[in-house]
Amino acid sequence: MHIIRKLFKAFYIDEIFDFSQSGILFEILRPLKEECISVLVVSAYERDYILLIKMILIK
């Protein structure tokens, strides 16, 4: 039996940007997009969180 274990790594952007500044998060995530790495982004008022999934195959 094979088990896939999922682990999350979380990062955050600790900077407050003006709402007129668009595309900042996209530019940060562009290298991950180019490598086909999926992310989950959670945006709060003062901080954006980026979660990456790391999957481990256990035999």
PDB file of N, CA and C in Angstrom:
ATOM      1  N   MET A   1       0.834  -1.167   0.000  1.00  0.00           N
ATOM      2  CA  MET A   1       0.000   0.000   0.000  1.00  0.00           C
ATOM      3  C   MET A   1       0.892   1.247   0.000  1.00  0.00           C
ATOM      4  N   HIS A   2       0.495   2.240  -0.780  1.00  0.00           N
ATOM      5  CA  HIS A   2       1.209   3.507  -0.846  1.00  0.00           C
ATOM      6  C   HIS A   2       0.380   4.588  -0.170  1.00  0.00           C
ATOM      7  N   ILE A   3       1.021   5.358   0.625  1.00  0.00           N
ATOM      8  CA  ILE A   3       0.357   6.459   1.313  1.00  0.00           C
ATOM      9  C   ILE A   3       1.037   7.753   0.883  1.00  0.00           C
ATOM     10  N   ILE A   4       0.247   8.712   0.527  1.00  0.00           N
ATOM     11  CA  ILE A   4       0.795  10.021   0.196  1.00  0.00           C
ATOM     12  C   ILE A   4       0.537  10.938   1.381  1.00  0.00           C
ATOM     13  N   ARG A   5       1.596  11.459   1.913  1.00  0.00           N
ATOM     14  CA  ARG A   5       1.494  12.364   3.060  1.00  0.00           C
ATOM     15  C   ARG A   5       1.696  13.789   2.564  1.00  0.00           C
ATOM     16  N   LYS A   6       0.784  14.652   2.935  1.00  0.00           N
ATOM     17  CA  LYS A   6       0.863  16.035   2.491  1.00  0.00           C
ATOM     18  C   LYS A   6       1.304  16.925   3.649  1.00  0.00           C
ATOM     19  N   LEU A   7       2.304  17.726   3.379  1.00  0.00           N
ATOM     20  CA  LEU A   7       2.782  18.696   4.348  1.00  0.00           C
ATOM     21  C   LEU A   7       2.654  20.086   3.737  1.00  0.00           C
ATOM     22  N   PHE A   8       2.356  21.056   4.555  1.00  0.00           N
ATOM     23  CA  PHE A   8       2.246  22.426   4.075  1.00  0.00           C
ATOM     24  C   PHE A   8       3.418  23.252   4.583  1.00  0.00           C
ATOM     25  N   LYS A   9       3.941  24.061   3.711  1.00  0.00           N
ATOM     26  CA  LYS A   9       4.931  25.068   4.080  1.00  0.00           C
ATOM     27  C   LYS A   9       4.249  26.404   3.900  1.00  0.00           C
ATOM     28  N   ALA A  10       4.373  27.268   4.855  1.00  0.00           N
ATOM     29  CA  ALA A  10       3.702  28.565   4.784  1.00  0.00           C
ATOM     30  C   ALA A  10       4.723  29.695   4.802  1.00  0.00           C
ATOM     31  N   PHE A  11       4.452  30.685   3.996  1.00  0.00           N
ATOM     32  CA  PHE A  11       5.254  31.898   3.932  1.00  0.00           C
ATOM     33  C   PHE A  11       4.297  33.072   3.970  1.00  0.00           C
ATOM     34  N   TYR A  12       4.778  34.208   4.361  1.00  0.00           N
ATOM     35  CA  TYR A  12       3.915  35.379   4.314  1.00  0.00           C
ATOM     36  C   TYR A  12       4.700  36.601   3.859  1.00  0.00           C
ATOM     37  N   ILE A  13       3.964  37.531   3.310  1.00  0.00           N
ATOM     38  CA  ILE A  13       4.530  38.798   2.872  1.00  0.00           C
ATOM     39  C   ILE A  13       4.202  39.808   3.959  1.00  0.00           C
ATOM     40  N   ASP A  14       5.205  40.240   4.659  1.00  0.00           N
ATOM     41  CA  ASP A  14       4.999  41.129   5.798  1.00  0.00           C
ATOM     42  C   ASP A  14       5.231  42.577   5.370  1.00  0.00           C
ATOM     43  N   GLU A  15       4.406  43.018   4.477  1.00  0.00           N
ATOM     44  CA  GLU A  15       4.507  44.379   3.959  1.00  0.00           C
ATOM     45  C   GLU A  15       3.107  44.858   3.625  1.00  0.00           C
ATOM     46  N   ILE A  16       2.818  46.078   3.924  1.00  0.00           N
ATOM     47  CA  ILE A  16       1.518  46.637   3.578  1.00  0.00           C
ATOM     48  C   ILE A  16       1.680  47.430   2.288  1.00  0.00           C
ATOM     49  N   PHE A  17       0.961  47.014   1.255  1.00  0.00           N
ATOM     50  CA  PHE A  17       1.013  47.686  -0.038  1.00  0.00           C
ATOM     51  C   PHE A  17      -0.264  48.481  -0.244  1.00  0.00           C
ATOM     52  N   ASP A  18      -0.143  49.561  -0.939  1.00  0.00           N
ATOM     53  CA  ASP A  18      -1.297  50.378  -1.286  1.00  0.00           C
ATOM     54  C   ASP A  18      -2.159  49.615  -2.288  1.00  0.00           C
ATOM     55  N   PHE A  19      -3.478  49.797  -2.214  1.00  0.00           N
ATOM     56  CA  PHE A  19      -4.374  49.090  -3.130  1.00  0.00           C
ATOM     57  C   PHE A  19      -4.146  49.469  -4.586  1.00  0.00           C
ATOM     58  N   SER A  20      -3.497  50.597  -4.836  1.00  0.00           N
ATOM     59  CA  SER A  20      -3.224  51.005  -6.216  1.00  0.00           C
ATOM     60  C   SER A  20      -2.064  50.217  -6.818  1.00  0.00           C
ATOM     61  N   GLN A  21      -1.312  49.505  -5.988  1.00  0.00           N
ATOM     62  CA  GLN A  21      -0.192  48.707  -6.474  1.00  0.00           C
ATOM     63  C   GLN A  21      -0.683  47.299  -6.763  1.00  0.00           C
ATOM     64  N   SER A  22      -0.987  47.038  -8.007  1.00  0.00           N
ATOM     65  CA  SER A  22      -1.491  45.710  -8.374  1.00  0.00           C
ATOM     66  C   SER A  22      -0.372  44.879  -8.985  1.00  0.00           C
ATOM     67  N   GLY A  23      -0.521  43.571  -8.909  1.00  0.00           N
ATOM     68  CA  GLY A  23       0.414  42.647  -9.543  1.00  0.00           C
ATOM     69  C   GLY A  23       1.603  42.243  -8.700  1.00  0.00           C
ATOM     70  N   ILE A  24       1.693  42.716  -7.479  1.00  0.00           N
ATOM     71  CA  ILE A  24       2.849  42.384  -6.642  1.00  0.00           C
ATOM     72  C   ILE A  24       2.854  40.894  -6.299  1.00  0.00           C
ATOM     73  N   LEU A  25       1.724  40.386  -5.869  1.00  0.00           N
ATOM     74  CA  LEU A  25       1.633  38.962  -5.526  1.00  0.00           C
ATOM     75  C   LEU A  25       1.873  38.093  -6.756  1.00  0.00           C
ATOM     76  N   PHE A  26       1.355  38.514  -7.902  1.00  0.00           N
ATOM     77  CA  PHE A  26       1.563  37.761  -9.141  1.00  0.00           C
ATOM     78  C   PHE A  26       3.049  37.666  -9.464  1.00  0.00           C
ATOM     79  N   GLU A  27       3.773  38.754  -9.315  1.00  0.00           N
ATOM     80  CA  GLU A  27       5.210  38.739  -9.614  1.00  0.00           C
ATOM     81  C   GLU A  27       5.974  37.861  -8.633  1.00  0.00           C
ATOM     82  N   ILE A  28       5.542  37.831  -7.390  1.00  0.00           N
ATOM     83  CA  ILE A  28       6.196  36.964  -6.402  1.00  0.00           C
ATOM     84  C   ILE A  28       5.961  35.496  -6.746  1.00  0.00           C
ATOM     85  N   LEU A  29       4.754  35.184  -7.227  1.00  0.00           N
ATOM     86  CA  LEU A  29       4.397  33.791  -7.507  1.00  0.00           C
ATOM     87  C   LEU A  29       4.795  33.328  -8.908  1.00  0.00           C
ATOM     88  N   ARG A  30       5.220  34.233  -9.769  1.00  0.00           N
ATOM     89  CA  ARG A  30       5.556  33.875 -11.157  1.00  0.00           C
ATOM     90  C   ARG A  30       6.571  32.719 -11.266  1.00  0.00           C
ATOM     91  N   PRO A  31       7.681  32.712 -10.510  1.00  0.00           N
ATOM     92  CA  PRO A  31       8.621  31.585 -10.628  1.00  0.00           C
ATOM     93  C   PRO A  31       7.987  30.232 -10.265  1.00  0.00           C
ATOM     94  N   LEU A  32       7.081  30.235  -9.296  1.00  0.00           N
ATOM     95  CA  LEU A  32       6.394  28.990  -8.934  1.00  0.00           C
ATOM     96  C   LEU A  32       5.464  28.556 -10.058  1.00  0.00           C
ATOM     97  N   LYS A  33       4.779  29.498 -10.673  1.00  0.00           N
ATOM     98  CA  LYS A  33       3.889  29.207 -11.803  1.00  0.00           C
ATOM     99  C   LYS A  33       4.673  28.599 -12.958  1.00  0.00           C
ATOM    100  N   GLU A  34       5.834  29.157 -13.236  1.00  0.00           N
ATOM    101  CA  GLU A  34       6.656  28.666 -14.341  1.00  0.00           C
ATOM    102  C   GLU A  34       7.155  27.241 -14.107  1.00  0.00           C
ATOM    103  N   GLU A  35       7.255  26.836 -12.849  1.00  0.00           N
ATOM    104  CA  GLU A  35       7.665  25.473 -12.503  1.00  0.00           C
ATOM    105  C   GLU A  35       6.468  24.569 -12.219  1.00  0.00           C
ATOM    106  N   CYS A  36       5.252  25.055 -12.499  1.00  0.00           N
ATOM    107  CA  CYS A  36       4.006  24.301 -12.293  1.00  0.00           C
ATOM    108  C   CYS A  36       3.827  23.866 -10.832  1.00  0.00           C
ATOM    109  N   ILE A  37       4.181  24.740  -9.919  1.00  0.00           N
ATOM    110  CA  ILE A  37       4.031  24.468  -8.492  1.00  0.00           C
ATOM    111  C   ILE A  37       2.741  25.123  -8.026  1.00  0.00           C
ATOM    112  N   SER A  38       1.852  24.329  -7.471  1.00  0.00           N
ATOM    113  CA  SER A  38       0.566  24.843  -6.992  1.00  0.00           C
ATOM    114  C   SER A  38       0.735  25.508  -5.637  1.00  0.00           C
ATOM    115  N   VAL A  39      -0.016  26.563  -5.441  1.00  0.00           N
ATOM    116  CA  VAL A  39       0.001  27.274  -4.171  1.00  0.00           C
ATOM    117  C   VAL A  39      -1.426  27.606  -3.764  1.00  0.00           C
ATOM    118  N   LEU A  40      -1.580  27.867  -2.495  1.00  0.00           N
ATOM    119  CA  LEU A  40      -2.834  28.385  -1.966  1.00  0.00           C
ATOM    120  C   LEU A  40      -2.490  29.716  -1.318  1.00  0.00           C
ATOM    121  N   VAL A  41      -3.181  30.767  -1.736  1.00  0.00           N
ATOM    122  CA  VAL A  41      -2.926  32.091  -1.195  1.00  0.00           C
ATOM    123  C   VAL A  41      -4.126  32.516  -0.360  1.00  0.00           C
ATOM    124  N   VAL A  42      -3.842  32.964   0.852  1.00  0.00           N
ATOM    125  CA  VAL A  42      -4.864  33.500   1.732  1.00  0.00           C
ATOM    126  C   VAL A  42      -4.489  34.954   1.995  1.00  0.00           C
ATOM    127  N   SER A  43      -5.378  35.846   1.648  1.00  0.00           N
ATOM    128  CA  SER A  43      -5.101  37.269   1.824  1.00  0.00           C
ATOM    129  C   SER A  43      -5.900  37.815   3.000  1.00  0.00           C
ATOM    130  N   ALA A  44      -5.203  38.520   3.859  1.00  0.00           N
ATOM    131  CA  ALA A  44      -5.835  39.217   4.973  1.00  0.00           C
ATOM    132  C   ALA A  44      -5.598  40.710   4.767  1.00  0.00           C
ATOM    133  N   TYR A  45      -6.074  41.489   5.662  1.00  0.00           N
ATOM    134  CA  TYR A  45      -5.984  42.938   5.490  1.00  0.00           C
ATOM    135  C   TYR A  45      -4.534  43.424   5.416  1.00  0.00           C
ATOM    136  N   GLU A  46      -3.683  42.940   6.302  1.00  0.00           N
ATOM    137  CA  GLU A  46      -2.311  43.431   6.356  1.00  0.00           C
ATOM    138  C   GLU A  46      -1.266  42.426   5.899  1.00  0.00           C
ATOM    139  N   ARG A  47      -1.674  41.248   5.507  1.00  0.00           N
ATOM    140  CA  ARG A  47      -0.667  40.229   5.186  1.00  0.00           C
ATOM    141  C   ARG A  47      -1.240  39.233   4.201  1.00  0.00           C
ATOM    142  N   ASP A  48      -0.398  38.740   3.292  1.00  0.00           N
ATOM    143  CA  ASP A  48      -0.765  37.664   2.376  1.00  0.00           C
ATOM    144  C   ASP A  48       0.024  36.417   2.773  1.00  0.00           C
ATOM    145  N   TYR A  49      -0.668  35.301   2.873  1.00  0.00           N
ATOM    146  CA  TYR A  49      -0.039  34.029   3.218  1.00  0.00           C
ATOM    147  C   TYR A  49       0.016  33.156   1.978  1.00  0.00           C
ATOM    148  N   ILE A  50       1.157  32.513   1.754  1.00  0.00           N
ATOM    149  CA  ILE A  50       1.347  31.608   0.625  1.00  0.00           C
ATOM    150  C   ILE A  50       1.625  30.230   1.198  1.00  0.00           C
ATOM    151  N   LEU A  51       0.788  29.262   0.836  1.00  0.00           N
ATOM    152  CA  LEU A  51       0.969  27.896   1.312  1.00  0.00           C
ATOM    153  C   LEU A  51       1.349  27.000   0.140  1.00  0.00           C
ATOM    154  N   LEU A  52       2.405  26.243   0.330  1.00  0.00           N
ATOM    155  CA  LEU A  52       2.862  25.267  -0.654  1.00  0.00           C
ATOM    156  C   LEU A  52       2.590  23.876  -0.107  1.00  0.00           C
ATOM    157  N   ILE A  53       2.244  22.960  -0.992  1.00  0.00           N
ATOM    158  CA  ILE A  53       1.998  21.577  -0.574  1.00  0.00           C
ATOM    159  C   ILE A  53       3.202  20.725  -0.969  1.00  0.00           C
ATOM    160  N   LYS A  54       3.734  20.007  -0.001  1.00  0.00           N
ATOM    161  CA  LYS A  54       4.818  19.060  -0.257  1.00  0.00           C
ATOM    162  C   LYS A  54       4.241  17.669  -0.039  1.00  0.00           C
ATOM    163  N   MET A  55       4.276  16.837  -1.079  1.00  0.00           N
ATOM    164  CA  MET A  55       3.732  15.482  -0.956  1.00  0.00           C
ATOM    165  C   MET A  55       4.861  14.481  -0.876  1.00  0.00           C
ATOM    166  N   ILE A  56       4.736  13.564   0.070  1.00  0.00           N
ATOM    167  CA  ILE A  56       5.731  12.516   0.286  1.00  0.00           C
ATOM    168  C   ILE A  56       5.066  11.168   0.059  1.00  0.00           C
ATOM    169  N   LEU A  57       5.654  10.354  -0.768  1.00  0.00           N
ATOM    170  CA  LEU A  57       5.143   9.014  -1.031  1.00  0.00           C
ATOM    171  C   LEU A  57       5.788   8.047  -0.058  1.00  0.00           C
ATOM    172  N   ILE A  58       4.988   7.340   0.731  1.00  0.00           N
ATOM    173  CA  ILE A  58       5.465   6.376   1.712  1.00  0.00           C
ATOM    174  C   ILE A  58       5.045   4.993   1.242  1.00  0.00           C
ATOM    175  N   LYS A  59       6.005   4.082   1.160  1.00  0.00           N
ATOM    176  CA  LYS A  59       5.701   2.709   0.729  1.00  0.00           C
ATOM    177  C   LYS A  59       5.493   1.808   1.916  1.00  0.00           C
TER     178      LYS A  59
END
